[in-house]
Amino acid sequence: YPRLGPERFGAGELTKIRAQAVSGRSCRAVADRLG
């Protein structure tokens, strides 16, 4: 939120970025790194 300015990143864009960052695929990648 504080990193991405409101003039370029509205709620919709923030939601998409967050959804991708915390997706099942992302969680799997972290799980793989943690063993």
Full PDB file with SEQRES, HELIX, SHEET, SSBOND, CRYST1, ORIGX, SCALE, CONECT and MASTER records, all heavy atoms in Angstrom:
SEQRES   1 A   35  TYR PRO ARG LEU GLY PRO GLU ARG PHE GLY ALA GLY GLU          
SEQRES   2 A   35  LEU THR LYS ILE ARG ALA GLN ALA VAL SER GLY ARG SER          
SEQRES   3 A   35  CYS ARG ALA VAL ALA ASP ARG LEU GLY                          
HELIX    1 AA1 ALA A   11  ALA A   21  1                                  11    
HELIX    2 AA2 GLY A   24  LEU A   34  1                                  11    
CRYST1    1.000    1.000    1.000  90.00  90.00  90.00 P 1           1          
ORIGX1      1.000000  0.000000  0.000000        0.00000                         
ORIGX2      0.000000  1.000000  0.000000        0.00000                         
ORIGX3      0.000000  0.000000  1.000000        0.00000                         
SCALE1      1.000000  0.000000  0.000000        0.00000                         
SCALE2      0.000000  1.000000  0.000000        0.00000                         
SCALE3      0.000000  0.000000  1.000000        0.00000                         
ATOM      1  N   TYR A   1       0.807  -1.230   0.000  1.00  0.00           N  
ATOM      2  CA  TYR A   1       0.000   0.000   0.000  1.00  0.00           C  
ATOM      3  C   TYR A   1       0.838   1.277   0.000  1.00  0.00           C  
ATOM      4  O   TYR A   1       0.642   2.139  -0.866  1.00  0.00           O  
ATOM      5  CB  TYR A   1      -0.980  -0.015   1.172  1.00  0.00           C  
ATOM      6  CG  TYR A   1      -1.981   1.101   1.095  1.00  0.00           C  
ATOM      7  CD1 TYR A   1      -3.106   0.995   0.289  1.00  0.00           C  
ATOM      8  CD2 TYR A   1      -1.793   2.285   1.817  1.00  0.00           C  
ATOM      9  CE1 TYR A   1      -4.026   2.020   0.202  1.00  0.00           C  
ATOM     10  CE2 TYR A   1      -2.699   3.312   1.740  1.00  0.00           C  
ATOM     11  CZ  TYR A   1      -3.818   3.184   0.933  1.00  0.00           C  
ATOM     12  OH  TYR A   1      -4.713   4.216   0.847  1.00  0.00           O  
ATOM     13  N   PRO A   2       1.777   1.464   0.923  1.00  0.00           N  
ATOM     14  CA  PRO A   2       2.532   2.724   0.908  1.00  0.00           C  
ATOM     15  C   PRO A   2       3.553   2.788  -0.230  1.00  0.00           C  
ATOM     16  O   PRO A   2       3.992   3.871  -0.612  1.00  0.00           O  
ATOM     17  CB  PRO A   2       3.240   2.740   2.267  1.00  0.00           C  
ATOM     18  CG  PRO A   2       3.332   1.308   2.667  1.00  0.00           C  
ATOM     19  CD  PRO A   2       2.136   0.629   2.068  1.00  0.00           C  
ATOM     20  N   ARG A   3       3.894   1.648  -0.772  1.00  0.00           N  
ATOM     21  CA  ARG A   3       4.923   1.577  -1.808  1.00  0.00           C  
ATOM     22  C   ARG A   3       4.388   1.969  -3.192  1.00  0.00           C  
ATOM     23  O   ARG A   3       5.150   2.437  -4.038  1.00  0.00           O  
ATOM     24  CB  ARG A   3       5.440   0.141  -1.823  1.00  0.00           C  
ATOM     25  CG  ARG A   3       6.574  -0.117  -2.723  1.00  0.00           C  
ATOM     26  CD  ARG A   3       7.059  -1.538  -2.545  1.00  0.00           C  
ATOM     27  NE  ARG A   3       7.974  -1.844  -3.610  1.00  0.00           N  
ATOM     28  CZ  ARG A   3       8.424  -3.030  -3.881  1.00  0.00           C  
ATOM     29  NH1 ARG A   3       8.037  -4.049  -3.152  1.00  0.00           N  
ATOM     30  NH2 ARG A   3       9.264  -3.227  -4.861  1.00  0.00           N  
ATOM     31  N   LEU A   4       3.106   1.750  -3.411  1.00  0.00           N  
ATOM     32  CA  LEU A   4       2.521   1.964  -4.734  1.00  0.00           C  
ATOM     33  C   LEU A   4       1.578   3.160  -4.706  1.00  0.00           C  
ATOM     34  O   LEU A   4       0.557   3.143  -4.036  1.00  0.00           O  
ATOM     35  CB  LEU A   4       1.776   0.697  -5.188  1.00  0.00           C  
ATOM     36  CG  LEU A   4       2.615  -0.585  -5.169  1.00  0.00           C  
ATOM     37  CD1 LEU A   4       1.773  -1.784  -5.536  1.00  0.00           C  
ATOM     38  CD2 LEU A   4       3.828  -0.462  -6.079  1.00  0.00           C  
ATOM     39  N   GLY A   5       1.952   4.198  -5.454  1.00  0.00           N  
ATOM     40  CA  GLY A   5       1.215   5.455  -5.430  1.00  0.00           C  
ATOM     41  C   GLY A   5      -0.191   5.355  -5.991  1.00  0.00           C  
ATOM     42  O   GLY A   5      -0.454   4.600  -6.927  1.00  0.00           O  
ATOM     43  N   PRO A   6      -1.096   6.160  -5.446  1.00  0.00           N  
ATOM     44  CA  PRO A   6      -2.500   6.105  -5.843  1.00  0.00           C  
ATOM     45  C   PRO A   6      -2.756   6.588  -7.272  1.00  0.00           C  
ATOM     46  O   PRO A   6      -3.740   6.184  -7.891  1.00  0.00           O  
ATOM     47  CB  PRO A   6      -3.194   7.013  -4.830  1.00  0.00           C  
ATOM     48  CG  PRO A   6      -2.138   7.913  -4.306  1.00  0.00           C  
ATOM     49  CD  PRO A   6      -0.863   7.124  -4.386  1.00  0.00           C  
ATOM     50  N   GLU A   7      -1.880   7.409  -7.807  1.00  0.00           N  
ATOM     51  CA  GLU A   7      -2.099   7.892  -9.167  1.00  0.00           C  
ATOM     52  C   GLU A   7      -1.911   6.788 -10.210  1.00  0.00           C  
ATOM     53  O   GLU A   7      -2.516   6.829 -11.265  1.00  0.00           O  
ATOM     54  CB  GLU A   7      -1.192   9.091  -9.488  1.00  0.00           C  
ATOM     55  CG  GLU A   7       0.299   8.859  -9.334  1.00  0.00           C  
ATOM     56  CD  GLU A   7       0.797   8.864  -7.893  1.00  0.00           C  
ATOM     57  OE1 GLU A   7       0.178   9.477  -7.014  1.00  0.00           O  
ATOM     58  OE2 GLU A   7       1.833   8.208  -7.658  1.00  0.00           O  
ATOM     59  N   ARG A   8      -1.121   5.784  -9.897  1.00  0.00           N  
ATOM     60  CA  ARG A   8      -0.886   4.687 -10.848  1.00  0.00           C  
ATOM     61  C   ARG A   8      -1.567   3.393 -10.409  1.00  0.00           C  
ATOM     62  O   ARG A   8      -1.919   2.570 -11.245  1.00  0.00           O  
ATOM     63  CB  ARG A   8       0.619   4.444 -10.994  1.00  0.00           C  
ATOM     64  CG  ARG A   8       0.908   3.349 -11.989  1.00  0.00           C  
ATOM     65  CD  ARG A   8       2.308   3.400 -12.571  1.00  0.00           C  
ATOM     66  NE  ARG A   8       2.512   2.184 -13.351  1.00  0.00           N  
ATOM     67  CZ  ARG A   8       3.449   1.310 -13.125  1.00  0.00           C  
ATOM     68  NH1 ARG A   8       4.313   1.504 -12.167  1.00  0.00           N  
ATOM     69  NH2 ARG A   8       3.557   0.231 -13.869  1.00  0.00           N  
ATOM     70  N   PHE A   9      -1.746   3.210  -9.117  1.00  0.00           N  
ATOM     71  CA  PHE A   9      -2.276   1.951  -8.597  1.00  0.00           C  
ATOM     72  C   PHE A   9      -3.555   2.190  -7.810  1.00  0.00           C  
ATOM     73  O   PHE A   9      -3.513   2.545  -6.635  1.00  0.00           O  
ATOM     74  CB  PHE A   9      -1.235   1.249  -7.704  1.00  0.00           C  
ATOM     75  CG  PHE A   9      -0.008   0.831  -8.436  1.00  0.00           C  
ATOM     76  CD1 PHE A   9       1.115   1.639  -8.450  1.00  0.00           C  
ATOM     77  CD2 PHE A   9       0.027  -0.370  -9.122  1.00  0.00           C  
ATOM     78  CE1 PHE A   9       2.261   1.253  -9.136  1.00  0.00           C  
ATOM     79  CE2 PHE A   9       1.163  -0.763  -9.815  1.00  0.00           C  
ATOM     80  CZ  PHE A   9       2.281   0.050  -9.822  1.00  0.00           C  
ATOM     81  N   GLY A  10      -4.665   1.992  -8.474  1.00  0.00           N  
ATOM     82  CA  GLY A  10      -5.959   2.075  -7.802  1.00  0.00           C  
ATOM     83  C   GLY A  10      -6.240   0.776  -7.071  1.00  0.00           C  
ATOM     84  O   GLY A  10      -5.437  -0.168  -7.072  1.00  0.00           O  
ATOM     85  N   ALA A  11      -7.390   0.693  -6.457  1.00  0.00           N  
ATOM     86  CA  ALA A  11      -7.765  -0.486  -5.678  1.00  0.00           C  
ATOM     87  C   ALA A  11      -7.761  -1.754  -6.533  1.00  0.00           C  
ATOM     88  O   ALA A  11      -7.321  -2.817  -6.088  1.00  0.00           O  
ATOM     89  CB  ALA A  11      -9.132  -0.282  -5.041  1.00  0.00           C  
ATOM     90  N   GLY A  12      -8.227  -1.638  -7.758  1.00  0.00           N  
ATOM     91  CA  GLY A  12      -8.270  -2.810  -8.644  1.00  0.00           C  
ATOM     92  C   GLY A  12      -6.883  -3.358  -8.942  1.00  0.00           C  
ATOM     93  O   GLY A  12      -6.663  -4.573  -8.900  1.00  0.00           O  
ATOM     94  N   GLU A  13      -5.950  -2.467  -9.256  1.00  0.00           N  
ATOM     95  CA  GLU A  13      -4.582  -2.896  -9.547  1.00  0.00           C  
ATOM     96  C   GLU A  13      -3.920  -3.491  -8.311  1.00  0.00           C  
ATOM     97  O   GLU A  13      -3.233  -4.506  -8.384  1.00  0.00           O  
ATOM     98  CB  GLU A  13      -3.742  -1.733 -10.094  1.00  0.00           C  
ATOM     99  CG  GLU A  13      -4.120  -1.297 -11.482  1.00  0.00           C  
ATOM    100  CD  GLU A  13      -5.333  -0.367 -11.519  1.00  0.00           C  
ATOM    101  OE1 GLU A  13      -5.729   0.166 -10.458  1.00  0.00           O  
ATOM    102  OE2 GLU A  13      -5.898  -0.194 -12.610  1.00  0.00           O  
ATOM    103  N   LEU A  14      -4.127  -2.844  -7.158  1.00  0.00           N  
ATOM    104  CA  LEU A  14      -3.561  -3.370  -5.911  1.00  0.00           C  
ATOM    105  C   LEU A  14      -4.110  -4.761  -5.609  1.00  0.00           C  
ATOM    106  O   LEU A  14      -3.365  -5.656  -5.191  1.00  0.00           O  
ATOM    107  CB  LEU A  14      -3.873  -2.427  -4.735  1.00  0.00           C  
ATOM    108  CG  LEU A  14      -3.136  -1.092  -4.715  1.00  0.00           C  
ATOM    109  CD1 LEU A  14      -3.699  -0.195  -3.629  1.00  0.00           C  
ATOM    110  CD2 LEU A  14      -1.644  -1.298  -4.522  1.00  0.00           C  
ATOM    111  N   THR A  15      -5.384  -4.953  -5.839  1.00  0.00           N  
ATOM    112  CA  THR A  15      -6.009  -6.250  -5.588  1.00  0.00           C  
ATOM    113  C   THR A  15      -5.407  -7.327  -6.478  1.00  0.00           C  
ATOM    114  O   THR A  15      -5.115  -8.432  -6.011  1.00  0.00           O  
ATOM    115  CB  THR A  15      -7.535  -6.159  -5.807  1.00  0.00           C  
ATOM    116  OG1 THR A  15      -8.061  -5.192  -4.886  1.00  0.00           O  
ATOM    117  CG2 THR A  15      -8.207  -7.502  -5.595  1.00  0.00           C  
ATOM    118  N   LYS A  16      -5.204  -7.012  -7.749  1.00  0.00           N  
ATOM    119  CA  LYS A  16      -4.623  -7.986  -8.683  1.00  0.00           C  
ATOM    120  C   LYS A  16      -3.187  -8.347  -8.288  1.00  0.00           C  
ATOM    121  O   LYS A  16      -2.800  -9.511  -8.317  1.00  0.00           O  
ATOM    122  CB  LYS A  16      -4.644  -7.447 -10.109  1.00  0.00           C  
ATOM    123  CG  LYS A  16      -6.012  -7.421 -10.721  1.00  0.00           C  
ATOM    124  CD  LYS A  16      -5.966  -6.817 -12.114  1.00  0.00           C  
ATOM    125  CE  LYS A  16      -7.344  -6.644 -12.678  1.00  0.00           C  
ATOM    126  NZ  LYS A  16      -7.319  -5.974 -14.000  1.00  0.00           N  
ATOM    127  N   ILE A  17      -2.403  -7.341  -7.923  1.00  0.00           N  
ATOM    128  CA  ILE A  17      -1.008  -7.586  -7.536  1.00  0.00           C  
ATOM    129  C   ILE A  17      -0.959  -8.436  -6.268  1.00  0.00           C  
ATOM    130  O   ILE A  17      -0.208  -9.408  -6.182  1.00  0.00           O  
ATOM    131  CB  ILE A  17      -0.245  -6.248  -7.359  1.00  0.00           C  
ATOM    132  CG1 ILE A  17      -0.080  -5.572  -8.719  1.00  0.00           C  
ATOM    133  CG2 ILE A  17       1.101  -6.478  -6.686  1.00  0.00           C  
ATOM    134  CD1 ILE A  17       0.368  -4.132  -8.646  1.00  0.00           C  
ATOM    135  N   ARG A  18      -1.773  -8.078  -5.270  1.00  0.00           N  
ATOM    136  CA  ARG A  18      -1.798  -8.863  -4.038  1.00  0.00           C  
ATOM    137  C   ARG A  18      -2.254 -10.285  -4.318  1.00  0.00           C  
ATOM    138  O   ARG A  18      -1.653 -11.239  -3.819  1.00  0.00           O  
ATOM    139  CB  ARG A  18      -2.707  -8.222  -2.995  1.00  0.00           C  
ATOM    140  CG  ARG A  18      -2.748  -9.048  -1.698  1.00  0.00           C  
ATOM    141  CD  ARG A  18      -3.792  -8.608  -0.725  1.00  0.00           C  
ATOM    142  NE  ARG A  18      -5.099  -8.665  -1.348  1.00  0.00           N  
ATOM    143  CZ  ARG A  18      -6.113  -7.881  -1.022  1.00  0.00           C  
ATOM    144  NH1 ARG A  18      -5.984  -6.984  -0.068  1.00  0.00           N  
ATOM    145  NH2 ARG A  18      -7.272  -7.992  -1.629  1.00  0.00           N  
ATOM    146  N   ALA A  19      -3.305 -10.452  -5.106  1.00  0.00           N  
ATOM    147  CA  ALA A  19      -3.817 -11.798  -5.407  1.00  0.00           C  
ATOM    148  C   ALA A  19      -2.739 -12.658  -6.057  1.00  0.00           C  
ATOM    149  O   ALA A  19      -2.585 -13.839  -5.728  1.00  0.00           O  
ATOM    150  CB  ALA A  19      -5.046 -11.709  -6.303  1.00  0.00           C  
ATOM    151  N   GLN A  20      -1.982 -12.077  -6.963  1.00  0.00           N  
ATOM    152  CA  GLN A  20      -0.907 -12.825  -7.614  1.00  0.00           C  
ATOM    153  C   GLN A  20       0.209 -13.151  -6.619  1.00  0.00           C  
ATOM    154  O   GLN A  20       0.740 -14.260  -6.608  1.00  0.00           O  
ATOM    155  CB  GLN A  20      -0.349 -12.022  -8.787  1.00  0.00           C  
ATOM    156  CG  GLN A  20       0.704 -12.756  -9.590  1.00  0.00           C  
ATOM    157  CD  GLN A  20       1.173 -11.949 -10.782  1.00  0.00           C  
ATOM    158  OE1 GLN A  20       0.493 -11.041 -11.255  1.00  0.00           O  
ATOM    159  NE2 GLN A  20       2.356 -12.277 -11.283  1.00  0.00           N  
ATOM    160  N   ALA A  21       0.535 -12.199  -5.757  1.00  0.00           N  
ATOM    161  CA  ALA A  21       1.637 -12.391  -4.803  1.00  0.00           C  
ATOM    162  C   ALA A  21       1.319 -13.433  -3.740  1.00  0.00           C  
ATOM    163  O   ALA A  21       2.224 -14.070  -3.208  1.00  0.00           O  
ATOM    164  CB  ALA A  21       1.997 -11.060  -4.138  1.00  0.00           C  
ATOM    165  N   VAL A  22       0.049 -13.634  -3.422  1.00  0.00           N  
ATOM    166  CA  VAL A  22      -0.329 -14.589  -2.367  1.00  0.00           C  
ATOM    167  C   VAL A  22      -1.067 -15.802  -2.934  1.00  0.00           C  
ATOM    168  O   VAL A  22      -1.662 -16.570  -2.185  1.00  0.00           O  
ATOM    169  CB  VAL A  22      -1.182 -13.915  -1.256  1.00  0.00           C  
ATOM    170  CG1 VAL A  22      -0.446 -12.742  -0.649  1.00  0.00           C  
ATOM    171  CG2 VAL A  22      -2.556 -13.500  -1.762  1.00  0.00           C  
ATOM    172  N   SER A  23      -1.006 -15.989  -4.234  1.00  0.00           N  
ATOM    173  CA  SER A  23      -1.718 -17.089  -4.898  1.00  0.00           C  
ATOM    174  C   SER A  23      -1.205 -18.453  -4.435  1.00  0.00           C  
ATOM    175  O   SER A  23      -0.159 -18.559  -3.788  1.00  0.00           O  
ATOM    176  CB  SER A  23      -1.532 -16.977  -6.411  1.00  0.00           C  
ATOM    177  OG  SER A  23      -0.176 -17.256  -6.749  1.00  0.00           O  
ATOM    178  N   GLY A  24      -1.936 -19.478  -4.806  1.00  0.00           N  
ATOM    179  CA  GLY A  24      -1.498 -20.843  -4.514  1.00  0.00           C  
ATOM    180  C   GLY A  24      -0.123 -21.117  -5.083  1.00  0.00           C  
ATOM    181  O   GLY A  24       0.715 -21.760  -4.445  1.00  0.00           O  
ATOM    182  N   ARG A  25       0.135 -20.617  -6.269  1.00  0.00           N  
ATOM    183  CA  ARG A  25       1.446 -20.813  -6.902  1.00  0.00           C  
ATOM    184  C   ARG A  25       2.547 -20.139  -6.087  1.00  0.00           C  
ATOM    185  O   ARG A  25       3.622 -20.704  -5.878  1.00  0.00           O  
ATOM    186  CB  ARG A  25       1.433 -20.260  -8.327  1.00  0.00           C  
ATOM    187  CG  ARG A  25       2.750 -20.478  -9.060  1.00  0.00           C  
ATOM    188  CD  ARG A  25       2.731 -19.918 -10.456  1.00  0.00           C  
ATOM    189  NE  ARG A  25       1.654 -20.530 -11.219  1.00  0.00           N  
ATOM    190  CZ  ARG A  25       1.088 -19.976 -12.277  1.00  0.00           C  
ATOM    191  NH1 ARG A  25       1.494 -18.798 -12.703  1.00  0.00           N  
ATOM    192  NH2 ARG A  25       0.132 -20.583 -12.922  1.00  0.00           N  
ATOM    193  N   SER A  26       2.272 -18.937  -5.600  1.00  0.00           N  
ATOM    194  CA  SER A  26       3.257 -18.226  -4.785  1.00  0.00           C  
ATOM    195  C   SER A  26       3.490 -18.948  -3.464  1.00  0.00           C  
ATOM    196  O   SER A  26       4.631 -19.105  -3.021  1.00  0.00           O  
ATOM    197  CB  SER A  26       2.786 -16.792  -4.515  1.00  0.00           C  
ATOM    198  OG  SER A  26       2.759 -16.057  -5.717  1.00  0.00           O  
ATOM    199  N   CYS A  27       2.401 -19.386  -2.833  1.00  0.00           N  
ATOM    200  CA  CYS A  27       2.531 -20.131  -1.574  1.00  0.00           C  
ATOM    201  C   CYS A  27       3.330 -21.405  -1.794  1.00  0.00           C  
ATOM    202  O   CYS A  27       4.155 -21.782  -0.958  1.00  0.00           O  
ATOM    203  CB  CYS A  27       1.156 -20.449  -0.998  1.00  0.00           C  
ATOM    204  SG  CYS A  27       0.301 -19.024  -0.301  1.00  0.00           S  
ATOM    205  N   ARG A  28       3.107 -22.066  -2.916  1.00  0.00           N  
ATOM    206  CA  ARG A  28       3.850 -23.291  -3.230  1.00  0.00           C  
ATOM    207  C   ARG A  28       5.340 -22.988  -3.350  1.00  0.00           C  
ATOM    208  O   ARG A  28       6.187 -23.753  -2.888  1.00  0.00           O  
ATOM    209  CB  ARG A  28       3.328 -23.908  -4.517  1.00  0.00           C  
ATOM    210  CG  ARG A  28       4.293 -24.916  -5.138  1.00  0.00           C  
ATOM    211  CD  ARG A  28       3.803 -26.241  -5.063  1.00  0.00           C  
ATOM    212  NE  ARG A  28       4.764 -27.281  -5.269  1.00  0.00           N  
ATOM    213  CZ  ARG A  28       4.436 -28.391  -5.871  1.00  0.00           C  
ATOM    214  NH1 ARG A  28       3.240 -28.533  -6.368  1.00  0.00           N  
ATOM    215  NH2 ARG A  28       5.309 -29.353  -5.966  1.00  0.00           N  
ATOM    216  N   ALA A  29       5.677 -21.878  -4.003  1.00  0.00           N  
ATOM    217  CA  ALA A  29       7.091 -21.508  -4.162  1.00  0.00           C  
ATOM    218  C   ALA A  29       7.753 -21.297  -2.801  1.00  0.00           C  
ATOM    219  O   ALA A  29       8.873 -21.756  -2.565  1.00  0.00           O  
ATOM    220  CB  ALA A  29       7.218 -20.255  -5.026  1.00  0.00           C  
ATOM    221  N   VAL A  30       7.058 -20.620  -1.900  1.00  0.00           N  
ATOM    222  CA  VAL A  30       7.595 -20.407  -0.555  1.00  0.00           C  
ATOM    223  C   VAL A  30       7.702 -21.745   0.172  1.00  0.00           C  
ATOM    224  O   VAL A  30       8.696 -22.024   0.855  1.00  0.00           O  
ATOM    225  CB  VAL A  30       6.743 -19.385   0.234  1.00  0.00           C  
ATOM    226  CG1 VAL A  30       7.206 -19.286   1.688  1.00  0.00           C  
ATOM    227  CG2 VAL A  30       6.803 -18.015  -0.437  1.00  0.00           C  
ATOM    228  N   ALA A  31       6.693 -22.592   0.006  1.00  0.00           N  
ATOM    229  CA  ALA A  31       6.717 -23.929   0.623  1.00  0.00           C  
ATOM    230  C   ALA A  31       7.919 -24.725   0.132  1.00  0.00           C  
ATOM    231  O   ALA A  31       8.585 -25.412   0.919  1.00  0.00           O  
ATOM    232  CB  ALA A  31       5.420 -24.680   0.320  1.00  0.00           C  
ATOM    233  N   ASP A  32       8.208 -24.623  -1.153  1.00  0.00           N  
ATOM    234  CA  ASP A  32       9.360 -25.335  -1.703  1.00  0.00           C  
ATOM    235  C   ASP A  32      10.659 -24.822  -1.079  1.00  0.00           C  
ATOM    236  O   ASP A  32      11.540 -25.608  -0.715  1.00  0.00           O  
ATOM    237  CB  ASP A  32       9.415 -25.192  -3.229  1.00  0.00           C  
ATOM    238  CG  ASP A  32       8.328 -25.991  -3.935  1.00  0.00           C  
ATOM    239  OD1 ASP A  32       7.714 -26.887  -3.312  1.00  0.00           O  
ATOM    240  OD2 ASP A  32       8.088 -25.714  -5.130  1.00  0.00           O  
ATOM    241  N   ARG A  33      10.786 -23.503  -0.938  1.00  0.00           N  
ATOM    242  CA  ARG A  33      12.003 -22.939  -0.352  1.00  0.00           C  
ATOM    243  C   ARG A  33      12.152 -23.313   1.122  1.00  0.00           C  
ATOM    244  O   ARG A  33      13.256 -23.408   1.631  1.00  0.00           O  
ATOM    245  CB  ARG A  33      12.026 -21.415  -0.523  1.00  0.00           C  
ATOM    246  CG  ARG A  33      12.197 -20.991  -1.968  1.00  0.00           C  
ATOM    247  CD  ARG A  33      12.561 -19.528  -2.121  1.00  0.00           C  
ATOM    248  NE  ARG A  33      11.583 -18.583  -1.647  1.00  0.00           N  
ATOM    249  CZ  ARG A  33      10.590 -18.078  -2.369  1.00  0.00           C  
ATOM    250  NH1 ARG A  33      10.415 -18.450  -3.626  1.00  0.00           N  
ATOM    251  NH2 ARG A  33       9.773 -17.179  -1.848  1.00  0.00           N  
ATOM    252  N   LEU A  34      11.020 -23.523   1.807  1.00  0.00           N  
ATOM    253  CA  LEU A  34      11.046 -23.900   3.223  1.00  0.00           C  
ATOM    254  C   LEU A  34      11.145 -25.409   3.436  1.00  0.00           C  
ATOM    255  O   LEU A  34      11.260 -25.852   4.573  1.00  0.00           O  
ATOM    256  CB  LEU A  34       9.776 -23.397   3.913  1.00  0.00           C  
ATOM    257  CG  LEU A  34       9.839 -22.076   4.624  1.00  0.00           C  
ATOM    258  CD1 LEU A  34       8.473 -21.686   5.162  1.00  0.00           C  
ATOM    259  CD2 LEU A  34      10.854 -22.059   5.726  1.00  0.00           C  
ATOM    260  N   GLY A  35      11.066 -26.192   2.376  1.00  0.00           N  
ATOM    261  CA  GLY A  35      11.125 -27.641   2.519  1.00  0.00           C  
ATOM    262  C   GLY A  35       9.881 -28.216   3.189  1.00  0.00           C  
ATOM    263  O   GLY A  35       9.966 -29.192   3.934  1.00  0.00           O  
TER     264      GLY A  35                                                      
MASTER        0    0    0    2    0    0    0    6  263    1    0    3          
END                                                                             
